[in-house]
Amino acid sequence: MRGTTPDVPAGRIIRIGTRASPLARRQTDTVLAALKRRFPDQRFEARPLRTTGDRQTRAPLDRLGGVGVFVKELESALLAGEIDMAVHSLKDVPTAVPDGLTIAAVAGREDPRDALVSRSGAKLTELPPGARVGTGSPRRACQLRALRPDLEVVGIRGNVDTRLRKAAAGEVDAVVMAAAALARMGWLDRASEILPDDMMLPAPGQGALAVEIRSDDETARQMAEAIDKRDCHHAATAERAFLRRLGGGCAVPIAALGLVDGGELRLRGLVGDVQGRRILRADIQGPADDAEALGVRLAERLLSEGAGELLKEST
């Protein structure tokens, strides 16, 4: 049960897997701190692992296998019993979790919106025609082109520091990235603008930290659930159900954002084409406890309006 003190075998160290990037380590440190506050007598240990997405930083994500390139090695280590928990950026986790594993907690969420970092400090509406804006996300590219068809959207990959350096060096005039990534690195002041979510709807799960465990590890489950943020979990569940029903991955422009207030969940969703010529939007509201069903219903609403055709065009 949520919040139950687990019966941990004497001497057991809870091993927490993480990507080796500086941002991933910061995120894992956040989860570790929460676990240590809740279980001060328990020993925890972070175990960094390099993933396919970390090793191959130049190729577009869809060429590397798309969704899952940042989590596969961590999930393999979990299934092999080499680690007991894995901390992920939830937006990197495929909606189909491997058999034997489960997302036990969403351990908080930073600002889910996107941020623009421009070399000149200009906001999106202030960038000159023809300015080069870097992003590796079809979702961001779609919405950027819809908002500013006069801009040149350029494919770009790399960790947060790499993308910021490319903007500073003039390889691009601006980059769009998750505000949560900047905040966790202590670099939010570098943002020229936090893009409103009615301008740039974020990716499902963006800014949320997922804790994944083996389904049969009751000790890890109880520990993870003790640091779960229920409202964040409901919102993320709805967003991921929306994505799952649409059948989309990182190669298609799909966005969703759930917000919980007083037990009520409002979910907004978007499907578009990469060129930003056509975008479908919808929203739904209902009890947060019905998060999964709300996500499915919103996806089906957009599918009835032609989202399936847009998804086929983008794959």
C-alpha atoms as a PDB file:
ATOM      1  CA  MET A   1       0.000   0.000   0.000  1.00  0.00           C
ATOM      2  CA  ARG A   2       1.053   3.607  -0.625  1.00  0.00           C
ATOM      3  CA  GLY A   3       3.327   4.861   2.133  1.00  0.00           C
ATOM      4  CA  THR A   4       3.785   1.468   3.829  1.00  0.00           C
ATOM      5  CA  THR A   5       7.209   0.941   5.414  1.00  0.00           C
ATOM      6  CA  PRO A   6       8.756  -1.979   3.524  1.00  0.00           C
ATOM      7  CA  ASP A   7      10.414  -4.931   5.196  1.00  0.00           C
ATOM      8  CA  VAL A   8      13.907  -4.737   3.678  1.00  0.00           C
ATOM      9  CA  PRO A   9      16.296  -7.686   4.151  1.00  0.00           C
ATOM     10  CA  ALA A  10      19.289  -6.738   6.315  1.00  0.00           C
ATOM     11  CA  GLY A  11      22.155  -5.354   4.275  1.00  0.00           C
ATOM     12  CA  ARG A  12      20.188  -4.950   1.056  1.00  0.00           C
ATOM     13  CA  ILE A  13      21.265  -1.937  -0.972  1.00  0.00           C
ATOM     14  CA  ILE A  14      18.629  -0.530  -3.314  1.00  0.00           C
ATOM     15  CA  ARG A  15      20.419   0.028  -6.616  1.00  0.00           C
ATOM     16  CA  ILE A  16      19.022   2.803  -8.784  1.00  0.00           C
ATOM     17  CA  GLY A  17      19.833   2.841 -12.468  1.00  0.00           C
ATOM     18  CA  THR A  18      20.254   6.088 -14.331  1.00  0.00           C
ATOM     19  CA  ARG A  19      21.553   7.351 -17.634  1.00  0.00           C
ATOM     20  CA  ALA A  20      25.058   8.763 -17.321  1.00  0.00           C
ATOM     21  CA  SER A  21      24.299  12.246 -18.682  1.00  0.00           C
ATOM     22  CA  PRO A  22      24.574  15.214 -16.299  1.00  0.00           C
ATOM     23  CA  LEU A  23      20.835  15.907 -16.586  1.00  0.00           C
ATOM     24  CA  ALA A  24      19.913  12.277 -15.868  1.00  0.00           C
ATOM     25  CA  ARG A  25      22.197  12.263 -12.826  1.00  0.00           C
ATOM     26  CA  ARG A  26      20.531  15.434 -11.525  1.00  0.00           C
ATOM     27  CA  GLN A  27      17.130  13.824 -11.971  1.00  0.00           C
ATOM     28  CA  THR A  28      18.225  10.665 -10.193  1.00  0.00           C
ATOM     29  CA  ASP A  29      19.700  12.726  -7.361  1.00  0.00           C
ATOM     30  CA  THR A  30      16.256  14.291  -6.909  1.00  0.00           C
ATOM     31  CA  VAL A  31      14.658  10.855  -6.608  1.00  0.00           C
ATOM     32  CA  LEU A  32      17.437   9.616  -4.306  1.00  0.00           C
ATOM     33  CA  ALA A  33      16.953  12.606  -2.010  1.00  0.00           C
ATOM     34  CA  ALA A  34      13.214  11.917  -1.794  1.00  0.00           C
ATOM     35  CA  LEU A  35      13.829   8.247  -1.007  1.00  0.00           C
ATOM     36  CA  LYS A  36      16.410   9.064   1.656  1.00  0.00           C
ATOM     37  CA  ARG A  37      14.039  11.518   3.338  1.00  0.00           C
ATOM     38  CA  ARG A  38      11.320   8.869   3.424  1.00  0.00           C
ATOM     39  CA  PHE A  39      13.639   5.962   4.355  1.00  0.00           C
ATOM     40  CA  PRO A  40      16.609   7.492   6.219  1.00  0.00           C
ATOM     41  CA  ASP A  41      17.968   4.145   7.452  1.00  0.00           C
ATOM     42  CA  GLN A  42      17.982   2.481   4.028  1.00  0.00           C
ATOM     43  CA  ARG A  43      21.096   2.344   1.829  1.00  0.00           C
ATOM     44  CA  PHE A  44      20.697   3.469  -1.791  1.00  0.00           C
ATOM     45  CA  GLU A  45      23.225   3.496  -4.607  1.00  0.00           C
ATOM     46  CA  ALA A  46      23.084   5.143  -8.044  1.00  0.00           C
ATOM     47  CA  ARG A  47      24.329   3.044 -10.962  1.00  0.00           C
ATOM     48  CA  PRO A  48      24.916   5.026 -14.183  1.00  0.00           C
ATOM     49  CA  LEU A  49      24.527   3.211 -17.516  1.00  0.00           C
ATOM     50  CA  ARG A  50      25.076   4.452 -21.066  1.00  0.00           C
ATOM     51  CA  THR A  51      22.132   3.954 -23.398  1.00  0.00           C
ATOM     52  CA  THR A  52      21.942   3.737 -27.180  1.00  0.00           C
ATOM     53  CA  GLY A  53      20.634   7.296 -27.323  1.00  0.00           C
ATOM     54  CA  ASP A  54      23.602   8.514 -25.273  1.00  0.00           C
ATOM     55  CA  ARG A  55      26.200   6.686 -27.380  1.00  0.00           C
ATOM     56  CA  GLN A  56      24.860   7.768 -30.767  1.00  0.00           C
ATOM     57  CA  THR A  57      24.254  11.492 -30.562  1.00  0.00           C
ATOM     58  CA  ARG A  58      24.243  12.426 -34.243  1.00  0.00           C
ATOM     59  CA  ALA A  59      21.620  10.161 -35.811  1.00  0.00           C
ATOM     60  CA  PRO A  60      17.933  11.197 -35.586  1.00  0.00           C
ATOM     61  CA  LEU A  61      16.111   9.269 -32.895  1.00  0.00           C
ATOM     62  CA  ASP A  62      13.746   7.573 -35.345  1.00  0.00           C
ATOM     63  CA  ARG A  63      16.767   6.037 -37.142  1.00  0.00           C
ATOM     64  CA  LEU A  64      18.013   4.604 -33.847  1.00  0.00           C
ATOM     65  CA  GLY A  65      14.750   2.826 -33.224  1.00  0.00           C
ATOM     66  CA  GLY A  66      12.691   5.746 -31.973  1.00  0.00           C
ATOM     67  CA  VAL A  67      11.006   5.562 -28.598  1.00  0.00           C
ATOM     68  CA  GLY A  68      13.012   3.606 -26.050  1.00  0.00           C
ATOM     69  CA  VAL A  69      16.583   4.425 -27.114  1.00  0.00           C
ATOM     70  CA  PHE A  70      17.183   6.150 -23.774  1.00  0.00           C
ATOM     71  CA  VAL A  71      15.682   3.404 -21.590  1.00  0.00           C
ATOM     72  CA  LYS A  72      16.322  -0.036 -23.120  1.00  0.00           C
ATOM     73  CA  GLU A  73      19.611  -0.679 -21.339  1.00  0.00           C
ATOM     74  CA  LEU A  74      18.123   0.388 -18.007  1.00  0.00           C
ATOM     75  CA  GLU A  75      15.141  -1.895 -18.507  1.00  0.00           C
ATOM     76  CA  SER A  76      17.431  -4.787 -19.437  1.00  0.00           C
ATOM     77  CA  ALA A  77      19.409  -4.201 -16.235  1.00  0.00           C
ATOM     78  CA  LEU A  78      16.189  -4.206 -14.220  1.00  0.00           C
ATOM     79  CA  LEU A  79      15.002  -7.475 -15.742  1.00  0.00           C
ATOM     80  CA  ALA A  80      18.440  -9.032 -15.130  1.00  0.00           C
ATOM     81  CA  GLY A  81      18.331  -8.034 -11.456  1.00  0.00           C
ATOM     82  CA  GLU A  82      21.377  -5.767 -11.807  1.00  0.00           C
ATOM     83  CA  ILE A  83      19.419  -2.760 -10.490  1.00  0.00           C
ATOM     84  CA  ASP A  84      16.242  -2.452  -8.429  1.00  0.00           C
ATOM     85  CA  MET A  85      14.823   0.813  -9.753  1.00  0.00           C
ATOM     86  CA  ALA A  86      15.384   2.921 -12.856  1.00  0.00           C
ATOM     87  CA  VAL A  87      14.803   6.651 -13.057  1.00  0.00           C
ATOM     88  CA  HIS A  88      13.667   7.987 -16.426  1.00  0.00           C
ATOM     89  CA  SER A  89      12.417  11.147 -18.021  1.00  0.00           C
ATOM     90  CA  LEU A  90       8.883   9.863 -18.510  1.00  0.00           C
ATOM     91  CA  LYS A  91       8.617  11.262 -22.030  1.00  0.00           C
ATOM     92  CA  ASP A  92      11.449   8.842 -23.023  1.00  0.00           C
ATOM     93  CA  VAL A  93       9.574   5.761 -21.798  1.00  0.00           C
ATOM     94  CA  PRO A  94       7.547   3.829 -24.419  1.00  0.00           C
ATOM     95  CA  THR A  95       3.869   3.471 -23.576  1.00  0.00           C
ATOM     96  CA  ALA A  96       4.273  -0.326 -23.810  1.00  0.00           C
ATOM     97  CA  VAL A  97       6.417  -1.260 -20.811  1.00  0.00           C
ATOM     98  CA  PRO A  98       8.121  -4.685 -21.096  1.00  0.00           C
ATOM     99  CA  ASP A  99       6.526  -7.670 -19.358  1.00  0.00           C
ATOM    100  CA  GLY A 100       7.832  -7.957 -15.822  1.00  0.00           C
ATOM    101  CA  LEU A 101       8.304  -4.202 -15.375  1.00  0.00           C
ATOM    102  CA  THR A 102       6.004  -1.398 -14.242  1.00  0.00           C
ATOM    103  CA  ILE A 103       6.075   2.354 -13.701  1.00  0.00           C
ATOM    104  CA  ALA A 104       5.572   2.439  -9.938  1.00  0.00           C
ATOM    105  CA  ALA A 105       5.792   6.184  -9.376  1.00  0.00           C
ATOM    106  CA  VAL A 106       5.921   9.605 -10.932  1.00  0.00           C
ATOM    107  CA  ALA A 107       8.252  11.297  -8.482  1.00  0.00           C
ATOM    108  CA  GLY A 108       7.347  14.879  -9.284  1.00  0.00           C
ATOM    109  CA  ARG A 109       7.262  17.080 -12.335  1.00  0.00           C
ATOM    110  CA  GLU A 110       9.046  20.288 -13.266  1.00  0.00           C
ATOM    111  CA  ASP A 111       7.412  22.866 -15.548  1.00  0.00           C
ATOM    112  CA  PRO A 112       6.259  20.722 -18.502  1.00  0.00           C
ATOM    113  CA  ARG A 113       6.442  23.557 -21.051  1.00  0.00           C
ATOM    114  CA  ASP A 114       9.078  24.177 -23.694  1.00  0.00           C
ATOM    115  CA  ALA A 115      11.624  26.983 -23.595  1.00  0.00           C
ATOM    116  CA  LEU A 116      13.210  29.014 -26.372  1.00  0.00           C
ATOM    117  CA  VAL A 117      16.880  29.872 -25.985  1.00  0.00           C
ATOM    118  CA  SER A 118      17.997  32.386 -28.617  1.00  0.00           C
ATOM    119  CA  ARG A 119      21.485  33.742 -29.213  1.00  0.00           C
ATOM    120  CA  SER A 120      20.191  37.328 -29.212  1.00  0.00           C
ATOM    121  CA  GLY A 121      17.732  36.905 -26.351  1.00  0.00           C
ATOM    122  CA  ALA A 122      14.815  37.423 -28.746  1.00  0.00           C
ATOM    123  CA  LYS A 123      11.464  35.767 -28.120  1.00  0.00           C
ATOM    124  CA  LEU A 124       9.860  33.538 -30.754  1.00  0.00           C
ATOM    125  CA  THR A 125       7.759  36.367 -32.200  1.00  0.00           C
ATOM    126  CA  GLU A 126      10.843  38.586 -32.334  1.00  0.00           C
ATOM    127  CA  LEU A 127      13.132  36.273 -34.331  1.00  0.00           C
ATOM    128  CA  PRO A 128      13.832  37.681 -37.821  1.00  0.00           C
ATOM    129  CA  PRO A 129      12.425  35.935 -40.918  1.00  0.00           C
ATOM    130  CA  GLY A 130      14.687  33.075 -41.960  1.00  0.00           C
ATOM    131  CA  ALA A 131      16.144  32.591 -38.486  1.00  0.00           C
ATOM    132  CA  ARG A 132      17.386  29.034 -37.912  1.00  0.00           C
ATOM    133  CA  VAL A 133      15.696  27.306 -34.952  1.00  0.00           C
ATOM    134  CA  GLY A 134      17.084  23.956 -33.813  1.00  0.00           C
ATOM    135  CA  THR A 135      15.047  21.027 -32.542  1.00  0.00           C
ATOM    136  CA  GLY A 136      15.142  17.245 -32.924  1.00  0.00           C
ATOM    137  CA  SER A 137      11.436  16.916 -32.144  1.00  0.00           C
ATOM    138  CA  PRO A 138       8.782  16.553 -34.877  1.00  0.00           C
ATOM    139  CA  ARG A 139       6.241  17.815 -32.319  1.00  0.00           C
ATOM    140  CA  ARG A 140       8.155  21.044 -31.816  1.00  0.00           C
ATOM    141  CA  ALA A 141       8.912  21.352 -35.541  1.00  0.00           C
ATOM    142  CA  CYS A 142       5.216  21.043 -36.376  1.00  0.00           C
ATOM    143  CA  GLN A 143       4.142  23.733 -33.948  1.00  0.00           C
ATOM    144  CA  LEU A 144       7.064  26.043 -34.806  1.00  0.00           C
ATOM    145  CA  ARG A 145       6.227  25.891 -38.517  1.00  0.00           C
ATOM    146  CA  ALA A 146       2.570  26.548 -37.800  1.00  0.00           C
ATOM    147  CA  LEU A 147       3.428  29.574 -35.662  1.00  0.00           C
ATOM    148  CA  ARG A 148       6.273  30.958 -37.804  1.00  0.00           C
ATOM    149  CA  PRO A 149       6.351  29.451 -41.312  1.00  0.00           C
ATOM    150  CA  ASP A 150       9.040  32.005 -42.201  1.00  0.00           C
ATOM    151  CA  LEU A 151      11.575  30.361 -39.877  1.00  0.00           C
ATOM    152  CA  GLU A 152      13.987  27.596 -40.895  1.00  0.00           C
ATOM    153  CA  VAL A 153      13.565  24.632 -38.551  1.00  0.00           C
ATOM    154  CA  VAL A 154      16.838  22.709 -38.305  1.00  0.00           C
ATOM    155  CA  GLY A 155      17.316  19.175 -36.966  1.00  0.00           C
ATOM    156  CA  ILE A 156      19.562  19.124 -33.907  1.00  0.00           C
ATOM    157  CA  ARG A 157      20.495  16.543 -31.268  1.00  0.00           C
ATOM    158  CA  GLY A 158      22.704  16.307 -28.206  1.00  0.00           C
ATOM    159  CA  ASN A 159      22.431  16.887 -24.483  1.00  0.00           C
ATOM    160  CA  VAL A 160      21.294  20.186 -23.001  1.00  0.00           C
ATOM    161  CA  ASP A 161      24.792  21.667 -22.870  1.00  0.00           C
ATOM    162  CA  THR A 162      25.538  20.659 -26.476  1.00  0.00           C
ATOM    163  CA  ARG A 163      22.394  22.305 -27.813  1.00  0.00           C
ATOM    164  CA  LEU A 164      23.033  25.489 -25.849  1.00  0.00           C
ATOM    165  CA  ARG A 165      26.589  25.627 -27.209  1.00  0.00           C
ATOM    166  CA  LYS A 166      25.327  25.275 -30.778  1.00  0.00           C
ATOM    167  CA  ALA A 167      23.063  28.270 -30.278  1.00  0.00           C
ATOM    168  CA  ALA A 168      25.813  30.303 -28.615  1.00  0.00           C
ATOM    169  CA  ALA A 169      28.254  29.449 -31.432  1.00  0.00           C
ATOM    170  CA  GLY A 170      25.808  30.589 -34.104  1.00  0.00           C
ATOM    171  CA  GLU A 171      25.169  27.169 -35.668  1.00  0.00           C
ATOM    172  CA  VAL A 172      21.525  28.051 -35.100  1.00  0.00           C
ATOM    173  CA  ASP A 173      19.873  31.282 -34.004  1.00  0.00           C
ATOM    174  CA  ALA A 174      17.800  29.583 -31.323  1.00  0.00           C
ATOM    175  CA  VAL A 175      16.928  26.190 -29.889  1.00  0.00           C
ATOM    176  CA  VAL A 176      13.736  24.869 -28.326  1.00  0.00           C
ATOM    177  CA  MET A 177      14.067  22.447 -25.409  1.00  0.00           C
ATOM    178  CA  ALA A 178      12.221  21.362 -22.299  1.00  0.00           C
ATOM    179  CA  ALA A 179      12.069  24.041 -19.629  1.00  0.00           C
ATOM    180  CA  ALA A 180      12.380  21.226 -17.075  1.00  0.00           C
ATOM    181  CA  ALA A 181      15.828  20.299 -18.408  1.00  0.00           C
ATOM    182  CA  LEU A 182      17.070  23.868 -18.028  1.00  0.00           C
ATOM    183  CA  ALA A 183      15.543  24.137 -14.548  1.00  0.00           C
ATOM    184  CA  ARG A 184      17.138  20.909 -13.303  1.00  0.00           C
ATOM    185  CA  MET A 185      20.544  22.014 -14.573  1.00  0.00           C
ATOM    186  CA  GLY A 186      20.147  25.417 -12.917  1.00  0.00           C
ATOM    187  CA  TRP A 187      20.132  27.171 -16.296  1.00  0.00           C
ATOM    188  CA  LEU A 188      16.566  28.433 -16.543  1.00  0.00           C
ATOM    189  CA  ASP A 189      17.872  32.005 -16.663  1.00  0.00           C
ATOM    190  CA  ARG A 190      19.296  31.213 -20.104  1.00  0.00           C
ATOM    191  CA  ALA A 191      15.800  30.878 -21.545  1.00  0.00           C
ATOM    192  CA  SER A 192      14.719  33.790 -23.704  1.00  0.00           C
ATOM    193  CA  GLU A 193      11.122  32.703 -23.243  1.00  0.00           C
ATOM    194  CA  ILE A 194       9.045  29.952 -21.672  1.00  0.00           C
ATOM    195  CA  LEU A 195       6.630  29.120 -24.464  1.00  0.00           C
ATOM    196  CA  PRO A 196       2.983  29.165 -23.313  1.00  0.00           C
ATOM    197  CA  ASP A 197       1.329  25.772 -23.631  1.00  0.00           C
ATOM    198  CA  ASP A 198      -1.383  27.252 -25.860  1.00  0.00           C
ATOM    199  CA  MET A 199       1.446  28.146 -28.262  1.00  0.00           C
ATOM    200  CA  MET A 200       3.610  25.023 -27.887  1.00  0.00           C
ATOM    201  CA  LEU A 201       1.848  22.044 -26.303  1.00  0.00           C
ATOM    202  CA  PRO A 202       4.452  19.748 -24.678  1.00  0.00           C
ATOM    203  CA  ALA A 203       5.204  16.077 -25.185  1.00  0.00           C
ATOM    204  CA  PRO A 204       3.290  13.506 -23.119  1.00  0.00           C
ATOM    205  CA  GLY A 205       5.124  13.079 -19.833  1.00  0.00           C
ATOM    206  CA  GLN A 206       7.476  16.025 -20.385  1.00  0.00           C
ATOM    207  CA  GLY A 207       9.102  17.208 -17.158  1.00  0.00           C
ATOM    208  CA  ALA A 208       7.930  14.159 -15.181  1.00  0.00           C
ATOM    209  CA  LEU A 209      10.285  11.703 -13.459  1.00  0.00           C
ATOM    210  CA  ALA A 210       9.321   8.037 -13.702  1.00  0.00           C
ATOM    211  CA  VAL A 211      10.482   5.299 -11.339  1.00  0.00           C
ATOM    212  CA  GLU A 212      10.378   1.887 -13.002  1.00  0.00           C
ATOM    213  CA  ILE A 213      10.718  -1.397 -11.095  1.00  0.00           C
ATOM    214  CA  ARG A 214      10.287  -5.131 -11.517  1.00  0.00           C
ATOM    215  CA  SER A 215       6.623  -5.972 -11.078  1.00  0.00           C
ATOM    216  CA  ASP A 216       7.366  -8.671  -8.485  1.00  0.00           C
ATOM    217  CA  ASP A 217       9.669  -6.544  -6.292  1.00  0.00           C
ATOM    218  CA  GLU A 218       7.351  -5.551  -3.463  1.00  0.00           C
ATOM    219  CA  THR A 219      10.083  -3.745  -1.525  1.00  0.00           C
ATOM    220  CA  ALA A 220      10.933  -1.480  -4.464  1.00  0.00           C
ATOM    221  CA  ARG A 221       7.237  -0.949  -5.149  1.00  0.00           C
ATOM    222  CA  GLN A 222       6.489   0.253  -1.626  1.00  0.00           C
ATOM    223  CA  MET A 223       9.489   2.575  -1.651  1.00  0.00           C
ATOM    224  CA  ALA A 224       8.596   4.041  -5.034  1.00  0.00           C
ATOM    225  CA  GLU A 225       4.950   4.514  -4.129  1.00  0.00           C
ATOM    226  CA  ALA A 226       5.988   6.366  -0.975  1.00  0.00           C
ATOM    227  CA  ILE A 227       7.451   9.168  -3.130  1.00  0.00           C
ATOM    228  CA  ASP A 228       4.756   9.121  -5.822  1.00  0.00           C
ATOM    229  CA  LYS A 229       3.077  12.452  -6.602  1.00  0.00           C
ATOM    230  CA  ARG A 230      -0.513  11.419  -7.197  1.00  0.00           C
ATOM    231  CA  ASP A 231      -1.674  14.415  -9.262  1.00  0.00           C
ATOM    232  CA  CYS A 232       1.423  14.247 -11.463  1.00  0.00           C
ATOM    233  CA  HIS A 233       0.861  10.518 -11.905  1.00  0.00           C
ATOM    234  CA  HIS A 234      -2.776  11.003 -12.930  1.00  0.00           C
ATOM    235  CA  ALA A 235      -1.844  13.703 -15.453  1.00  0.00           C
ATOM    236  CA  ALA A 236       0.951  11.606 -16.936  1.00  0.00           C
ATOM    237  CA  THR A 237      -1.275   8.520 -17.089  1.00  0.00           C
ATOM    238  CA  ALA A 238      -3.836  10.428 -19.162  1.00  0.00           C
ATOM    239  CA  GLU A 239      -1.176  11.821 -21.483  1.00  0.00           C
ATOM    240  CA  ARG A 240       0.387   8.421 -22.052  1.00  0.00           C
ATOM    241  CA  ALA A 241      -3.004   6.763 -22.616  1.00  0.00           C
ATOM    242  CA  PHE A 242      -3.679   9.416 -25.274  1.00  0.00           C
ATOM    243  CA  LEU A 243      -0.344   8.651 -26.952  1.00  0.00           C
ATOM    244  CA  ARG A 244      -0.825   4.881 -26.690  1.00  0.00           C
ATOM    245  CA  ARG A 245      -4.274   4.975 -28.308  1.00  0.00           C
ATOM    246  CA  LEU A 246      -2.953   7.069 -31.181  1.00  0.00           C
ATOM    247  CA  GLY A 247      -0.103   4.615 -31.673  1.00  0.00           C
ATOM    248  CA  GLY A 248       2.437   7.386 -32.114  1.00  0.00           C
ATOM    249  CA  GLY A 249       6.096   7.623 -31.169  1.00  0.00           C
ATOM    250  CA  CYS A 250       8.897  10.148 -31.355  1.00  0.00           C
ATOM    251  CA  ALA A 251       8.672  10.403 -35.168  1.00  0.00           C
ATOM    252  CA  VAL A 252       5.178  11.912 -35.238  1.00  0.00           C
ATOM    253  CA  PRO A 253       3.883  15.266 -33.960  1.00  0.00           C
ATOM    254  CA  ILE A 254       1.763  14.360 -30.931  1.00  0.00           C
ATOM    255  CA  ALA A 255       1.412  16.570 -27.857  1.00  0.00           C
ATOM    256  CA  ALA A 256      -0.598  16.336 -24.665  1.00  0.00           C
ATOM    257  CA  LEU A 257      -0.814  18.037 -21.305  1.00  0.00           C
ATOM    258  CA  GLY A 258      -2.920  17.080 -18.315  1.00  0.00           C
ATOM    259  CA  LEU A 259      -3.561  19.350 -15.349  1.00  0.00           C
ATOM    260  CA  VAL A 260      -5.240  18.227 -12.122  1.00  0.00           C
ATOM    261  CA  ASP A 261      -7.116  20.662  -9.903  1.00  0.00           C
ATOM    262  CA  GLY A 262      -9.300  19.582  -7.008  1.00  0.00           C
ATOM    263  CA  GLY A 263      -9.548  16.008  -8.229  1.00  0.00           C
ATOM    264  CA  GLU A 264     -10.586  17.093 -11.748  1.00  0.00           C
ATOM    265  CA  LEU A 265      -8.301  16.426 -14.698  1.00  0.00           C
ATOM    266  CA  ARG A 266      -8.257  18.554 -17.817  1.00  0.00           C
ATOM    267  CA  LEU A 267      -6.406  16.977 -20.732  1.00  0.00           C
ATOM    268  CA  ARG A 268      -5.485  18.757 -23.945  1.00  0.00           C
ATOM    269  CA  GLY A 269      -4.149  16.931 -26.976  1.00  0.00           C
ATOM    270  CA  LEU A 270      -2.728  17.751 -30.400  1.00  0.00           C
ATOM    271  CA  VAL A 271      -1.890  15.828 -33.560  1.00  0.00           C
ATOM    272  CA  GLY A 272      -0.326  17.474 -36.606  1.00  0.00           C
ATOM    273  CA  ASP A 273       1.814  16.967 -39.663  1.00  0.00           C
ATOM    274  CA  VAL A 274       5.536  17.712 -39.502  1.00  0.00           C
ATOM    275  CA  GLN A 275       5.212  20.733 -41.801  1.00  0.00           C
ATOM    276  CA  GLY A 276       2.615  22.327 -39.522  1.00  0.00           C
ATOM    277  CA  ARG A 277       0.102  22.700 -42.316  1.00  0.00           C
ATOM    278  CA  ARG A 278      -2.663  20.901 -40.446  1.00  0.00           C
ATOM    279  CA  ILE A 279      -3.090  20.574 -36.695  1.00  0.00           C
ATOM    280  CA  LEU A 280      -5.968  18.985 -34.794  1.00  0.00           C
ATOM    281  CA  ARG A 281      -6.616  19.938 -31.178  1.00  0.00           C
ATOM    282  CA  ALA A 282      -9.123  18.802 -28.568  1.00  0.00           C
ATOM    283  CA  ASP A 283      -9.578  18.746 -24.813  1.00  0.00           C
ATOM    284  CA  ILE A 284     -11.521  16.748 -22.269  1.00  0.00           C
ATOM    285  CA  GLN A 285     -12.237  16.977 -18.565  1.00  0.00           C
ATOM    286  CA  GLY A 286     -13.270  14.494 -15.903  1.00  0.00           C
ATOM    287  CA  PRO A 287     -12.322  12.851 -12.603  1.00  0.00           C
ATOM    288  CA  ALA A 288      -8.567  12.395 -12.191  1.00  0.00           C
ATOM    289  CA  ASP A 289      -9.156   8.790 -11.110  1.00  0.00           C
ATOM    290  CA  ASP A 290     -10.407   8.148 -14.666  1.00  0.00           C
ATOM    291  CA  ALA A 291      -7.145   9.358 -16.200  1.00  0.00           C
ATOM    292  CA  GLU A 292      -6.580   6.333 -18.430  1.00  0.00           C
ATOM    293  CA  ALA A 293     -10.107   6.424 -19.868  1.00  0.00           C
ATOM    294  CA  LEU A 294      -9.946  10.183 -20.436  1.00  0.00           C
ATOM    295  CA  GLY A 295      -6.746   9.819 -22.439  1.00  0.00           C
ATOM    296  CA  VAL A 296      -8.268   7.109 -24.620  1.00  0.00           C
ATOM    297  CA  ARG A 297     -11.461   9.096 -25.194  1.00  0.00           C
ATOM    298  CA  LEU A 298      -9.547  12.200 -26.231  1.00  0.00           C
ATOM    299  CA  ALA A 299      -7.453  10.201 -28.700  1.00  0.00           C
ATOM    300  CA  GLU A 300     -10.565   8.612 -30.181  1.00  0.00           C
ATOM    301  CA  ARG A 301     -12.122  12.047 -30.603  1.00  0.00           C
ATOM    302  CA  LEU A 302      -9.141  13.230 -32.659  1.00  0.00           C
ATOM    303  CA  LEU A 303      -9.065   9.975 -34.620  1.00  0.00           C
ATOM    304  CA  SER A 304     -12.692  10.577 -35.564  1.00  0.00           C
ATOM    305  CA  GLU A 305     -11.642  14.001 -36.877  1.00  0.00           C
ATOM    306  CA  GLY A 306      -8.897  12.624 -39.124  1.00  0.00           C
ATOM    307  CA  ALA A 307      -5.868  12.249 -36.857  1.00  0.00           C
ATOM    308  CA  GLY A 308      -5.160   8.796 -38.280  1.00  0.00           C
ATOM    309  CA  GLU A 309      -4.477  10.284 -41.713  1.00  0.00           C
ATOM    310  CA  LEU A 310      -2.085  12.827 -40.239  1.00  0.00           C
ATOM    311  CA  LEU A 311      -0.242  10.083 -38.372  1.00  0.00           C
ATOM    312  CA  LYS A 312       0.170   8.041 -41.547  1.00  0.00           C
ATOM    313  CA  GLU A 313       1.575  11.072 -43.362  1.00  0.00           C
ATOM    314  CA  SER A 314       4.172  11.551 -40.642  1.00  0.00           C
ATOM    315  CA  THR A 315       5.484   7.965 -40.572  1.00  0.00           C
END
